[in-house]
Amino acid sequence: MSRVRKTTGISILTTVAAGTLLLGCSTSVEVKKSTPPKLSAEKLSSTLSQKLADATGQPKPHVSCPEDLVGKVGTTSRCTLTADDGSTLGVTVKVASVSGDQIHYDYKADDKASPASS
């Protein structure tokens, strides 16, 4: 007999930290023309949230990225995933390649979540 376990808001952090993203994942996003191309902080947050949900099979988490991602190979940015209970998990985004208006980036979650601040 199998058991079904109900998950909570922290479960996506646990799933992410437990290894789903520790191997790293990649994605690409088409951006508006600029030199070099940039991915807005808002679009990066939204895209990353969807990719994390797809990778974990959980609902889309709240992801916040503080700055635009410049489409230059090697550029990094730090985003924060926040669970319903207020705990957070950092996610590093790194530009892997740029093809015209497409920015291809890798992302990797931190190994440990930070507890909610009191």
C-alpha atoms as a PDB file:
ATOM      1  CA  MET A   1       0.000   0.000   0.000  1.00  0.00           C
ATOM      2  CA  SER A   2       1.469   3.361  -0.935  1.00  0.00           C
ATOM      3  CA  ARG A   3       1.150   6.516   1.100  1.00  0.00           C
ATOM      4  CA  VAL A   4       0.549   9.974  -0.234  1.00  0.00           C
ATOM      5  CA  ARG A   5       2.355  12.750   1.588  1.00  0.00           C
ATOM      6  CA  LYS A   6       0.937  16.252   1.554  1.00  0.00           C
ATOM      7  CA  THR A   7       3.573  18.911   0.925  1.00  0.00           C
ATOM      8  CA  THR A   8       3.888  22.381   2.385  1.00  0.00           C
ATOM      9  CA  GLY A   9       5.389  25.673   1.214  1.00  0.00           C
ATOM     10  CA  ILE A  10       8.835  24.631   2.398  1.00  0.00           C
ATOM     11  CA  SER A  11       8.745  21.476   0.285  1.00  0.00           C
ATOM     12  CA  ILE A  12       9.964  23.235  -2.847  1.00  0.00           C
ATOM     13  CA  LEU A  13      12.995  24.473  -0.921  1.00  0.00           C
ATOM     14  CA  THR A  14      13.625  20.973   0.343  1.00  0.00           C
ATOM     15  CA  THR A  15      13.209  19.515  -3.133  1.00  0.00           C
ATOM     16  CA  VAL A  16      15.483  22.110  -4.686  1.00  0.00           C
ATOM     17  CA  ALA A  17      18.122  21.838  -1.965  1.00  0.00           C
ATOM     18  CA  ALA A  18      17.936  18.042  -1.946  1.00  0.00           C
ATOM     19  CA  GLY A  19      19.356  17.777  -5.400  1.00  0.00           C
ATOM     20  CA  THR A  20      16.924  18.679  -8.110  1.00  0.00           C
ATOM     21  CA  LEU A  21      18.979  21.726  -9.020  1.00  0.00           C
ATOM     22  CA  LEU A  22      22.315  20.864  -7.487  1.00  0.00           C
ATOM     23  CA  LEU A  23      23.415  19.412 -10.785  1.00  0.00           C
ATOM     24  CA  GLY A  24      22.545  22.714 -12.423  1.00  0.00           C
ATOM     25  CA  CYS A  25      20.040  23.413 -15.111  1.00  0.00           C
ATOM     26  CA  SER A  26      20.049  25.506 -18.236  1.00  0.00           C
ATOM     27  CA  THR A  27      17.522  27.609 -20.068  1.00  0.00           C
ATOM     28  CA  SER A  28      17.424  30.270 -22.727  1.00  0.00           C
ATOM     29  CA  VAL A  29      15.267  33.348 -23.103  1.00  0.00           C
ATOM     30  CA  GLU A  30      14.789  35.692 -26.029  1.00  0.00           C
ATOM     31  CA  VAL A  31      15.164  39.327 -25.045  1.00  0.00           C
ATOM     32  CA  LYS A  32      14.635  42.737 -26.614  1.00  0.00           C
ATOM     33  CA  LYS A  33      17.470  43.975 -28.784  1.00  0.00           C
ATOM     34  CA  SER A  34      20.189  45.884 -27.005  1.00  0.00           C
ATOM     35  CA  THR A  35      23.952  45.688 -27.012  1.00  0.00           C
ATOM     36  CA  PRO A  36      24.676  43.527 -25.128  1.00  0.00           C
ATOM     37  CA  PRO A  37      21.197  42.045 -24.749  1.00  0.00           C
ATOM     38  CA  LYS A  38      19.626  42.229 -21.288  1.00  0.00           C
ATOM     39  CA  LEU A  39      16.994  40.133 -19.568  1.00  0.00           C
ATOM     40  CA  SER A  40      14.930  42.277 -17.206  1.00  0.00           C
ATOM     41  CA  ALA A  41      14.948  41.363 -13.523  1.00  0.00           C
ATOM     42  CA  GLU A  42      11.173  40.831 -13.723  1.00  0.00           C
ATOM     43  CA  LYS A  43      11.384  38.436 -16.683  1.00  0.00           C
ATOM     44  CA  LEU A  44      14.347  36.605 -15.138  1.00  0.00           C
ATOM     45  CA  SER A  45      12.354  36.151 -11.903  1.00  0.00           C
ATOM     46  CA  SER A  46       9.313  34.872 -13.797  1.00  0.00           C
ATOM     47  CA  THR A  47      11.272  32.526 -16.068  1.00  0.00           C
ATOM     48  CA  LEU A  48      13.308  31.126 -13.205  1.00  0.00           C
ATOM     49  CA  SER A  49      10.166  30.573 -11.113  1.00  0.00           C
ATOM     50  CA  GLN A  50       8.603  28.569 -13.960  1.00  0.00           C
ATOM     51  CA  LYS A  51      11.780  26.517 -14.502  1.00  0.00           C
ATOM     52  CA  LEU A  52      12.018  25.692 -10.785  1.00  0.00           C
ATOM     53  CA  ALA A  53       8.357  24.628 -10.737  1.00  0.00           C
ATOM     54  CA  ASP A  54       8.887  22.450 -13.810  1.00  0.00           C
ATOM     55  CA  ALA A  55      12.020  20.864 -12.304  1.00  0.00           C
ATOM     56  CA  THR A  56      10.432  20.087  -8.928  1.00  0.00           C
ATOM     57  CA  GLY A  57       6.839  19.328  -9.901  1.00  0.00           C
ATOM     58  CA  GLN A  58       5.733  21.901  -7.295  1.00  0.00           C
ATOM     59  CA  PRO A  59       3.708  25.100  -7.784  1.00  0.00           C
ATOM     60  CA  LYS A  60       5.644  28.141  -9.001  1.00  0.00           C
ATOM     61  CA  PRO A  61       7.624  29.592  -6.090  1.00  0.00           C
ATOM     62  CA  HIS A  62       8.134  33.292  -5.436  1.00  0.00           C
ATOM     63  CA  VAL A  63      11.469  34.218  -6.993  1.00  0.00           C
ATOM     64  CA  SER A  64      12.995  37.662  -6.799  1.00  0.00           C
ATOM     65  CA  CYS A  65      15.960  38.795  -8.892  1.00  0.00           C
ATOM     66  CA  PRO A  66      17.299  42.236  -7.948  1.00  0.00           C
ATOM     67  CA  GLU A  67      18.878  43.199 -11.275  1.00  0.00           C
ATOM     68  CA  ASP A  68      18.724  42.722 -15.020  1.00  0.00           C
ATOM     69  CA  LEU A  69      20.875  39.917 -16.415  1.00  0.00           C
ATOM     70  CA  VAL A  70      23.370  41.261 -18.950  1.00  0.00           C
ATOM     71  CA  GLY A  71      23.876  38.907 -21.892  1.00  0.00           C
ATOM     72  CA  LYS A  72      27.627  38.579 -21.602  1.00  0.00           C
ATOM     73  CA  VAL A  73      29.133  35.105 -21.137  1.00  0.00           C
ATOM     74  CA  GLY A  74      30.179  34.571 -17.532  1.00  0.00           C
ATOM     75  CA  THR A  75      27.922  37.273 -16.063  1.00  0.00           C
ATOM     76  CA  THR A  76      26.285  36.102 -12.835  1.00  0.00           C
ATOM     77  CA  SER A  77      23.321  37.231 -10.790  1.00  0.00           C
ATOM     78  CA  ARG A  78      21.823  36.087  -7.492  1.00  0.00           C
ATOM     79  CA  CYS A  79      18.121  35.527  -7.086  1.00  0.00           C
ATOM     80  CA  THR A  80      16.141  34.496  -4.023  1.00  0.00           C
ATOM     81  CA  LEU A  81      13.417  31.868  -3.793  1.00  0.00           C
ATOM     82  CA  THR A  82      11.061  32.524  -0.863  1.00  0.00           C
ATOM     83  CA  ALA A  83       8.787  29.794   0.520  1.00  0.00           C
ATOM     84  CA  ASP A  84       5.359  30.391   2.065  1.00  0.00           C
ATOM     85  CA  ASP A  85       6.852  30.169   5.569  1.00  0.00           C
ATOM     86  CA  GLY A  86       9.377  32.935   4.806  1.00  0.00           C
ATOM     87  CA  SER A  87      12.448  30.725   4.511  1.00  0.00           C
ATOM     88  CA  THR A  88      14.695  31.520   1.556  1.00  0.00           C
ATOM     89  CA  LEU A  89      17.045  29.787  -0.829  1.00  0.00           C
ATOM     90  CA  GLY A  90      19.588  31.548  -3.021  1.00  0.00           C
ATOM     91  CA  VAL A  91      19.813  30.720  -6.708  1.00  0.00           C
ATOM     92  CA  THR A  92      22.850  31.652  -8.806  1.00  0.00           C
ATOM     93  CA  VAL A  93      22.258  32.436 -12.466  1.00  0.00           C
ATOM     94  CA  LYS A  94      25.204  32.476 -14.897  1.00  0.00           C
ATOM     95  CA  VAL A  95      25.159  33.393 -18.593  1.00  0.00           C
ATOM     96  CA  ALA A  96      26.447  30.389 -20.537  1.00  0.00           C
ATOM     97  CA  SER A  97      26.145  31.797 -24.062  1.00  0.00           C
ATOM     98  CA  VAL A  98      24.444  34.453 -26.126  1.00  0.00           C
ATOM     99  CA  SER A  99      23.015  33.867 -29.604  1.00  0.00           C
ATOM    100  CA  GLY A 100      21.739  37.092 -31.130  1.00  0.00           C
ATOM    101  CA  ASP A 101      18.845  38.116 -28.881  1.00  0.00           C
ATOM    102  CA  GLN A 102      18.826  34.859 -26.902  1.00  0.00           C
ATOM    103  CA  ILE A 103      20.530  34.600 -23.533  1.00  0.00           C
ATOM    104  CA  HIS A 104      21.297  31.035 -22.486  1.00  0.00           C
ATOM    105  CA  TYR A 105      21.899  30.710 -18.763  1.00  0.00           C
ATOM    106  CA  ASP A 106      22.552  28.050 -16.164  1.00  0.00           C
ATOM    107  CA  TYR A 107      21.112  28.193 -12.677  1.00  0.00           C
ATOM    108  CA  LYS A 108      21.964  26.416  -9.473  1.00  0.00           C
ATOM    109  CA  ALA A 109      20.306  26.552  -6.065  1.00  0.00           C
ATOM    110  CA  ASP A 110      22.286  26.853  -2.839  1.00  0.00           C
ATOM    111  CA  ASP A 111      22.743  23.712  -0.776  1.00  0.00           C
ATOM    112  CA  LYS A 112      20.939  25.078   2.282  1.00  0.00           C
ATOM    113  CA  ALA A 113      17.890  27.239   2.858  1.00  0.00           C
ATOM    114  CA  SER A 114      17.932  30.148   5.296  1.00  0.00           C
ATOM    115  CA  PRO A 115      15.220  30.068   7.952  1.00  0.00           C
ATOM    116  CA  ALA A 116      12.538  32.741   8.052  1.00  0.00           C
ATOM    117  CA  SER A 117      13.572  35.821   9.980  1.00  0.00           C
ATOM    118  CA  SER A 118      11.665  36.409  13.181  1.00  0.00           C
END
